[in-house]
PDB file of N, CA and C in Angstrom:
ATOM      1  N   MET A   1     -21.401  -5.062   6.586  1.00  0.00           N
ATOM      2  CA  MET A   1     -19.395  -4.851   6.413  1.00  0.00           C
ATOM      3  C   MET A   1     -18.701  -4.866   5.106  1.00  0.00           C
ATOM      4  N   ALA A   2     -18.178  -3.794   4.268  1.00  0.00           N
ATOM      5  CA  ALA A   2     -17.593  -4.098   3.010  1.00  0.00           C
ATOM      6  C   ALA A   2     -16.337  -4.880   3.625  1.00  0.00           C
ATOM      7  N   SER A   3     -16.141  -5.716   1.813  1.00  0.00           N
ATOM      8  CA  SER A   3     -15.105  -6.333   1.804  1.00  0.00           C
ATOM      9  C   SER A   3     -13.905  -5.414   1.509  1.00  0.00           C
ATOM     10  N   LEU A   4     -12.615  -6.180   1.689  1.00  0.00           N
ATOM     11  CA  LEU A   4     -11.215  -5.046   1.638  1.00  0.00           C
ATOM     12  C   LEU A   4     -11.401  -4.817   0.043  1.00  0.00           C
ATOM     13  N   LEU A   5     -11.712  -5.828  -0.462  1.00  0.00           N
ATOM     14  CA  LEU A   5     -11.706  -5.356  -2.605  1.00  0.00           C
ATOM     15  C   LEU A   5     -12.605  -4.597  -2.638  1.00  0.00           C
ATOM     16  N   ASP A   6     -13.976  -4.243  -1.935  1.00  0.00           N
ATOM     17  CA  ASP A   6     -14.950  -3.251  -1.859  1.00  0.00           C
ATOM     18  C   ASP A   6     -14.420  -2.209  -1.175  1.00  0.00           C
ATOM     19  N   GLU A   7     -13.646  -1.733  -0.403  1.00  0.00           N
ATOM     20  CA  GLU A   7     -12.842  -0.937   0.080  1.00  0.00           C
ATOM     21  C   GLU A   7     -12.115  -0.237  -0.896  1.00  0.00           C
ATOM     22  N   ASN A   8     -11.302  -1.148  -1.471  1.00  0.00           N
ATOM     23  CA  ASN A   8     -10.095  -0.727  -2.589  1.00  0.00           C
ATOM     24  C   ASN A   8     -10.603  -0.230  -3.709  1.00  0.00           C
ATOM     25  N   LEU A   9     -11.787  -0.622  -4.044  1.00  0.00           N
ATOM     26  CA  LEU A   9     -12.001  -0.384  -5.259  1.00  0.00           C
ATOM     27  C   LEU A   9     -13.027   1.416  -4.822  1.00  0.00           C
ATOM     28  N   GLN A  10     -13.470   1.574  -3.944  1.00  0.00           N
ATOM     29  CA  GLN A  10     -14.039   2.899  -3.651  1.00  0.00           C
ATOM     30  C   GLN A  10     -13.107   3.906  -3.182  1.00  0.00           C
ATOM     31  N   TYR A  11     -12.127   3.274  -2.540  1.00  0.00           N
ATOM     32  CA  TYR A  11     -11.045   4.396  -2.711  1.00  0.00           C
ATOM     33  C   TYR A  11     -10.438   5.082  -3.743  1.00  0.00           C
ATOM     34  N   TYR A  12      -9.899   3.479  -4.884  1.00  0.00           N
ATOM     35  CA  TYR A  12      -9.150   4.502  -5.420  1.00  0.00           C
ATOM     36  C   TYR A  12     -10.340   5.254  -6.790  1.00  0.00           C
ATOM     37  N   PHE A  13     -11.388   4.485  -6.550  1.00  0.00           N
ATOM     38  CA  PHE A  13     -12.544   5.034  -7.747  1.00  0.00           C
ATOM     39  C   PHE A  13     -12.472   6.762  -7.543  1.00  0.00           C
ATOM     40  N   THR A  14     -12.606   7.174  -5.840  1.00  0.00           N
ATOM     41  CA  THR A  14     -12.619   8.263  -5.480  1.00  0.00           C
ATOM     42  C   THR A  14     -11.671   9.394  -6.106  1.00  0.00           C
ATOM     43  N   GLN A  15      -9.955   8.403  -6.341  1.00  0.00           N
ATOM     44  CA  GLN A  15      -8.904   9.507  -6.438  1.00  0.00           C
ATOM     45  C   GLN A  15      -9.306   9.993  -8.391  1.00  0.00           C
ATOM     46  N   LEU A  16     -10.097   9.487  -8.879  1.00  0.00           N
ATOM     47  CA  LEU A  16     -10.216   9.626 -10.425  1.00  0.00           C
ATOM     48  C   LEU A  16     -10.925  10.831 -10.488  1.00  0.00           C
ATOM     49  N   ASN A  17     -10.017  11.470 -11.451  1.00  0.00           N
ATOM     50  CA  ASN A  17     -10.820  12.343 -11.924  1.00  0.00           C
ATOM     51  C   ASN A  17     -12.502  12.305 -12.747  1.00  0.00           C
ATOM     52  N   GLU A  18     -13.153  13.388 -13.103  1.00  0.00           N
ATOM     53  CA  GLU A  18     -14.832  12.921 -14.321  1.00  0.00           C
ATOM     54  C   GLU A  18     -13.944  11.996 -15.392  1.00  0.00           C
ATOM     55  N   ALA A  19     -13.413  12.343 -16.273  1.00  0.00           N
ATOM     56  CA  ALA A  19     -13.403  11.437 -17.446  1.00  0.00           C
ATOM     57  C   ALA A  19     -13.346  10.171 -16.742  1.00  0.00           C
ATOM     58  N   GLU A  20     -11.803  10.425 -16.240  1.00  0.00           N
ATOM     59  CA  GLU A  20     -11.521   9.007 -15.973  1.00  0.00           C
ATOM     60  C   GLU A  20     -12.456   8.004 -15.246  1.00  0.00           C
ATOM     61  N   LYS A  21     -13.582   8.325 -14.184  1.00  0.00           N
ATOM     62  CA  LYS A  21     -14.393   7.760 -13.682  1.00  0.00           C
ATOM     63  C   LYS A  21     -15.883   7.437 -15.001  1.00  0.00           C
ATOM     64  N   LYS A  22     -16.264   8.191 -15.748  1.00  0.00           N
ATOM     65  CA  LYS A  22     -16.840   7.728 -16.835  1.00  0.00           C
ATOM     66  C   LYS A  22     -16.428   6.351 -17.482  1.00  0.00           C
ATOM     67  N   SER A  23     -14.769   6.711 -17.910  1.00  0.00           N
ATOM     68  CA  SER A  23     -14.014   5.971 -18.398  1.00  0.00           C
ATOM     69  C   SER A  23     -14.620   4.309 -17.547  1.00  0.00           C
ATOM     70  N   VAL A  24     -13.981   4.746 -16.671  1.00  0.00           N
ATOM     71  CA  VAL A  24     -14.038   2.535 -15.503  1.00  0.00           C
ATOM     72  C   VAL A  24     -15.708   2.634 -15.655  1.00  0.00           C
ATOM     73  N   LEU A  25     -16.698   3.434 -15.474  1.00  0.00           N
ATOM     74  CA  LEU A  25     -18.104   3.225 -15.054  1.00  0.00           C
ATOM     75  C   LEU A  25     -17.949   2.714 -16.871  1.00  0.00           C
ATOM     76  N   LEU A  26     -18.199   3.103 -17.792  1.00  0.00           N
ATOM     77  CA  LEU A  26     -18.248   2.213 -19.203  1.00  0.00           C
ATOM     78  C   LEU A  26     -17.620   1.147 -19.149  1.00  0.00           C
ATOM     79  N   MET A  27     -16.317   0.981 -19.003  1.00  0.00           N
ATOM     80  CA  MET A  27     -15.776  -0.579 -18.642  1.00  0.00           C
ATOM     81  C   MET A  27     -16.892  -1.369 -18.115  1.00  0.00           C
ATOM     82  N   LEU A  28     -17.090  -1.051 -17.052  1.00  0.00           N
ATOM     83  CA  LEU A  28     -17.726  -1.605 -15.919  1.00  0.00           C
ATOM     84  C   LEU A  28     -19.024  -2.443 -16.470  1.00  0.00           C
ATOM     85  N   LYS A  29     -19.740  -1.189 -17.148  1.00  0.00           N
ATOM     86  CA  LYS A  29     -21.060  -1.675 -17.492  1.00  0.00           C
ATOM     87  C   LYS A  29     -21.027  -2.172 -19.025  1.00  0.00           C
ATOM     88  N   THR A  30     -19.875  -2.628 -19.672  1.00  0.00           N
ATOM     89  CA  THR A  30     -19.749  -3.084 -20.662  1.00  0.00           C
ATOM     90  C   THR A  30     -19.224  -4.910 -20.127  1.00  0.00           C
ATOM     91  N   PHE A  31     -18.043  -4.700 -18.764  1.00  0.00           N
ATOM     92  CA  PHE A  31     -18.432  -6.230 -18.185  1.00  0.00           C
ATOM     93  C   PHE A  31     -19.604  -7.006 -18.102  1.00  0.00           C
ATOM     94  N   LEU A  32     -20.573  -6.134 -17.122  1.00  0.00           N
ATOM     95  CA  LEU A  32     -21.532  -6.576 -17.065  1.00  0.00           C
ATOM     96  C   LEU A  32     -22.807  -7.000 -18.133  1.00  0.00           C
ATOM     97  N   ALA A  33     -22.250  -6.601 -19.339  1.00  0.00           N
ATOM     98  CA  ALA A  33     -23.567  -6.396 -20.158  1.00  0.00           C
ATOM     99  C   ALA A  33     -23.013  -8.034 -21.344  1.00  0.00           C
ATOM    100  N   GLY A  34     -21.692  -8.154 -21.115  1.00  0.00           N
ATOM    101  CA  GLY A  34     -21.111  -9.163 -21.819  1.00  0.00           C
ATOM    102  C   GLY A  34     -21.034 -10.492 -21.093  1.00  0.00           C
ATOM    103  N   ARG A  35     -21.645 -10.512 -19.892  1.00  0.00           N
ATOM    104  CA  ARG A  35     -21.776 -11.797 -19.246  1.00  0.00           C
ATOM    105  C   ARG A  35     -22.952 -12.836 -19.826  1.00  0.00           C
ATOM    106  N   SER A  36     -23.374 -13.843 -20.173  1.00  0.00           N
ATOM    107  CA  SER A  36     -23.660 -14.643 -20.377  1.00  0.00           C
ATOM    108  C   SER A  36     -25.257 -14.944 -19.675  1.00  0.00           C
ATOM    109  N   ASN A  37     -26.162 -14.549 -20.010  1.00  0.00           N
ATOM    110  CA  ASN A  37     -27.099 -15.116 -19.495  1.00  0.00           C
ATOM    111  C   ASN A  37     -27.778 -16.666 -19.560  1.00  0.00           C
ATOM    112  N   THR A  38     -28.140 -17.706 -19.015  1.00  0.00           N
ATOM    113  CA  THR A  38     -28.762 -18.810 -19.449  1.00  0.00           C
ATOM    114  C   THR A  38     -30.048 -18.979 -20.282  1.00  0.00           C
ATOM    115  N   ALA A  39     -30.287 -17.621 -19.872  1.00  0.00           N
ATOM    116  CA  ALA A  39     -31.599 -17.825 -20.841  1.00  0.00           C
ATOM    117  C   ALA A  39     -31.510 -17.616 -22.468  1.00  0.00           C
ATOM    118  N   ASP A  40     -30.124 -16.568 -22.717  1.00  0.00           N
ATOM    119  CA  ASP A  40     -29.480 -17.614 -23.698  1.00  0.00           C
ATOM    120  C   ASP A  40     -29.248 -18.625 -24.571  1.00  0.00           C
ATOM    121  N   HIS A  41     -28.738 -19.235 -24.149  1.00  0.00           N
ATOM    122  CA  HIS A  41     -28.209 -20.718 -24.466  1.00  0.00           C
ATOM    123  C   HIS A  41     -29.335 -21.463 -25.033  1.00  0.00           C
ATOM    124  N   ILE A  42     -28.835 -22.304 -25.590  1.00  0.00           N
ATOM    125  CA  ILE A  42     -29.762 -23.277 -27.088  1.00  0.00           C
ATOM    126  C   ILE A  42     -29.390 -24.281 -26.737  1.00  0.00           C
ATOM    127  N   SER A  43     -30.035 -25.645 -26.986  1.00  0.00           N
ATOM    128  CA  SER A  43     -30.292 -26.774 -26.653  1.00  0.00           C
ATOM    129  C   SER A  43     -28.964 -27.232 -27.977  1.00  0.00           C
ATOM    130  N   ILE A  44     -28.458 -28.169 -27.486  1.00  0.00           N
ATOM    131  CA  ILE A  44     -27.476 -28.993 -28.438  1.00  0.00           C
ATOM    132  C   ILE A  44     -28.127 -28.986 -30.043  1.00  0.00           C
ATOM    133  N   GLU A  45     -29.659 -30.045 -29.498  1.00  0.00           N
ATOM    134  CA  GLU A  45     -30.197 -29.950 -30.909  1.00  0.00           C
ATOM    135  C   GLU A  45     -30.786 -28.792 -31.607  1.00  0.00           C
ATOM    136  N   GLN A  46     -31.163 -28.052 -30.787  1.00  0.00           N
ATOM    137  CA  GLN A  46     -31.021 -26.577 -31.713  1.00  0.00           C
ATOM    138  C   GLN A  46     -30.220 -25.887 -32.671  1.00  0.00           C
ATOM    139  N   TYR A  47     -29.213 -25.721 -31.750  1.00  0.00           N
ATOM    140  CA  TYR A  47     -27.689 -25.849 -31.950  1.00  0.00           C
ATOM    141  C   TYR A  47     -27.311 -26.517 -33.704  1.00  0.00           C
ATOM    142  N   ASN A  48     -27.597 -27.803 -33.562  1.00  0.00           N
ATOM    143  CA  ASN A  48     -27.440 -28.507 -34.452  1.00  0.00           C
ATOM    144  C   ASN A  48     -28.254 -28.949 -35.676  1.00  0.00           C
ATOM    145  N   LYS A  49     -29.659 -28.400 -35.330  1.00  0.00           N
ATOM    146  CA  LYS A  49     -30.609 -28.414 -36.270  1.00  0.00           C
ATOM    147  C   LYS A  49     -30.665 -26.412 -36.848  1.00  0.00           C
ATOM    148  N   GLU A  50     -29.811 -25.386 -36.529  1.00  0.00           N
ATOM    149  CA  GLU A  50     -29.284 -24.376 -37.206  1.00  0.00           C
ATOM    150  C   GLU A  50     -28.370 -24.283 -38.244  1.00  0.00           C
ATOM    151  N   ILE A  51     -27.447 -25.314 -37.325  1.00  0.00           N
ATOM    152  CA  ILE A  51     -26.138 -25.819 -38.281  1.00  0.00           C
ATOM    153  C   ILE A  51     -26.474 -26.468 -40.027  1.00  0.00           C
ATOM    154  N   GLU A  52     -27.445 -27.147 -39.489  1.00  0.00           N
ATOM    155  CA  GLU A  52     -28.053 -28.088 -40.528  1.00  0.00           C
ATOM    156  C   GLU A  52     -28.772 -27.189 -41.684  1.00  0.00           C
ATOM    157  N   GLU A  53     -29.426 -26.052 -40.989  1.00  0.00           N
ATOM    158  CA  GLU A  53     -30.080 -25.245 -42.067  1.00  0.00           C
ATOM    159  C   GLU A  53     -29.981 -24.189 -42.917  1.00  0.00           C
ATOM    160  N   ALA A  54     -28.487 -23.634 -42.441  1.00  0.00           N
ATOM    161  CA  ALA A  54     -27.491 -22.996 -42.658  1.00  0.00           C
ATOM    162  C   ALA A  54     -26.899 -23.488 -43.597  1.00  0.00           C
ATOM    163  N   LEU A  55     -26.129 -25.081 -43.237  1.00  0.00           N
ATOM    164  CA  LEU A  55     -25.637 -25.698 -44.545  1.00  0.00           C
ATOM    165  C   LEU A  55     -26.651 -25.384 -46.104  1.00  0.00           C
ATOM    166  N   GLU A  56     -27.784 -26.292 -45.334  1.00  0.00           N
ATOM    167  CA  GLU A  56     -28.692 -25.825 -46.613  1.00  0.00           C
ATOM    168  C   GLU A  56     -29.054 -24.959 -47.819  1.00  0.00           C
ATOM    169  N   GLN A  57     -28.873 -23.741 -46.832  1.00  0.00           N
ATOM    170  CA  GLN A  57     -28.880 -22.680 -47.272  1.00  0.00           C
ATOM    171  C   GLN A  57     -27.728 -22.189 -48.621  1.00  0.00           C
ATOM    172  N   ALA A  58     -27.049 -22.349 -47.968  1.00  0.00           N
ATOM    173  CA  ALA A  58     -25.627 -22.404 -48.752  1.00  0.00           C
ATOM    174  C   ALA A  58     -25.436 -23.380 -49.417  1.00  0.00           C
ATOM    175  N   GLU A  59     -26.036 -24.428 -49.643  1.00  0.00           N
ATOM    176  CA  GLU A  59     -25.657 -25.278 -51.130  1.00  0.00           C
ATOM    177  C   GLU A  59     -26.577 -25.148 -51.484  1.00  0.00           C
ATOM    178  N   ALA A  60     -27.670 -24.674 -51.531  1.00  0.00           N
ATOM    179  CA  ALA A  60     -28.804 -23.958 -52.491  1.00  0.00           C
ATOM    180  C   ALA A  60     -28.352 -22.920 -52.906  1.00  0.00           C
ATOM    181  N   GLY A  61     -27.007 -22.282 -52.981  1.00  0.00           N
ATOM    182  CA  GLY A  61     -26.272 -21.093 -53.213  1.00  0.00           C
ATOM    183  C   GLY A  61     -26.954 -19.424 -52.420  1.00  0.00           C
ATOM    184  N   ASN A  62     -27.760 -19.755 -51.963  1.00  0.00           N
ATOM    185  CA  ASN A  62     -28.537 -18.385 -50.395  1.00  0.00           C
ATOM    186  C   ASN A  62     -27.133 -18.078 -50.126  1.00  0.00           C
ATOM    187  N   TYR A  63     -25.888 -17.418 -50.457  1.00  0.00           N
ATOM    188  CA  TYR A  63     -25.164 -16.532 -49.473  1.00  0.00           C
ATOM    189  C   TYR A  63     -24.305 -15.263 -50.359  1.00  0.00           C
ATOM    190  N   ILE A  64     -23.553 -14.899 -49.658  1.00  0.00           N
ATOM    191  CA  ILE A  64     -22.954 -13.986 -50.283  1.00  0.00           C
ATOM    192  C   ILE A  64     -21.613 -14.401 -49.991  1.00  0.00           C
ATOM    193  N   THR A  65     -20.327 -13.292 -50.690  1.00  0.00           N
ATOM    194  CA  THR A  65     -19.090 -13.646 -50.735  1.00  0.00           C
ATOM    195  C   THR A  65     -18.626 -12.875 -50.116  1.00  0.00           C
ATOM    196  N   GLN A  66     -17.098 -13.324 -49.328  1.00  0.00           N
ATOM    197  CA  GLN A  66     -16.356 -12.113 -48.651  1.00  0.00           C
ATOM    198  C   GLN A  66     -17.077 -10.617 -49.091  1.00  0.00           C
ATOM    199  N   GLU A  67     -16.492 -10.510 -50.365  1.00  0.00           N
ATOM    200  CA  GLU A  67     -15.918  -8.779 -50.985  1.00  0.00           C
ATOM    201  C   GLU A  67     -17.807  -8.800 -51.324  1.00  0.00           C
ATOM    202  N   GLU A  68     -18.693  -8.909 -51.595  1.00  0.00           N
ATOM    203  CA  GLU A  68     -19.879  -8.597 -51.761  1.00  0.00           C
ATOM    204  C   GLU A  68     -20.492  -7.735 -49.976  1.00  0.00           C
ATOM    205  N   MET A  69     -20.091  -9.148 -49.326  1.00  0.00           N
ATOM    206  CA  MET A  69     -20.606  -8.377 -47.761  1.00  0.00           C
ATOM    207  C   MET A  69     -19.621  -7.250 -47.611  1.00  0.00           C
ATOM    208  N   GLU A  70     -18.283  -7.097 -48.094  1.00  0.00           N
ATOM    209  CA  GLU A  70     -17.115  -5.875 -47.716  1.00  0.00           C
ATOM    210  C   GLU A  70     -18.030  -4.814 -48.246  1.00  0.00           C
ATOM    211  N   LYS A  71     -18.766  -5.053 -49.721  1.00  0.00           N
ATOM    212  CA  LYS A  71     -19.041  -3.788 -50.232  1.00  0.00           C
ATOM    213  C   LYS A  71     -20.838  -3.565 -49.708  1.00  0.00           C
ATOM    214  N   GLN A  72     -21.559  -4.124 -49.578  1.00  0.00           N
ATOM    215  CA  GLN A  72     -22.429  -3.818 -48.613  1.00  0.00           C
ATOM    216  C   GLN A  72     -22.079  -3.288 -47.912  1.00  0.00           C
ATOM    217  N   ALA A  73     -20.926  -3.328 -46.866  1.00  0.00           N
ATOM    218  CA  ALA A  73     -20.618  -2.663 -45.449  1.00  0.00           C
ATOM    219  C   ALA A  73     -20.308  -1.455 -45.483  1.00  0.00           C
ATOM    220  N   ALA A  74     -19.470  -0.955 -46.656  1.00  0.00           N
ATOM    221  CA  ALA A  74     -19.076  -0.047 -46.915  1.00  0.00           C
ATOM    222  C   ALA A  74     -19.954   1.245 -47.335  1.00  0.00           C
ATOM    223  N   LYS A  75     -20.963   0.666 -48.104  1.00  0.00           N
ATOM    224  CA  LYS A  75     -21.964   1.768 -47.928  1.00  0.00           C
ATOM    225  C   LYS A  75     -22.930   2.295 -46.937  1.00  0.00           C
ATOM    226  N   TRP A  76     -23.042   1.509 -45.761  1.00  0.00           N
ATOM    227  CA  TRP A  76     -23.505   1.797 -44.585  1.00  0.00           C
ATOM    228  C   TRP A  76     -22.626   3.093 -43.957  1.00  0.00           C
TER     229      TRP A  76
END
């Protein structure tokens, strides 16, 4: 048996025109795609290691400035 919420969603969804349905469907897909998956999580140790490596790269001069990044992005 469908919940009241499910029934309301179905009722209102059927009231939409095709363009509105496509828009709502895209929104729902975006919501679901944005969910965090526990498989994507890393340990605090891995996180700290990646931060350390990034700091070492910056200290070694292996970085680009914001201005350089904007120039590169403008080329795309």
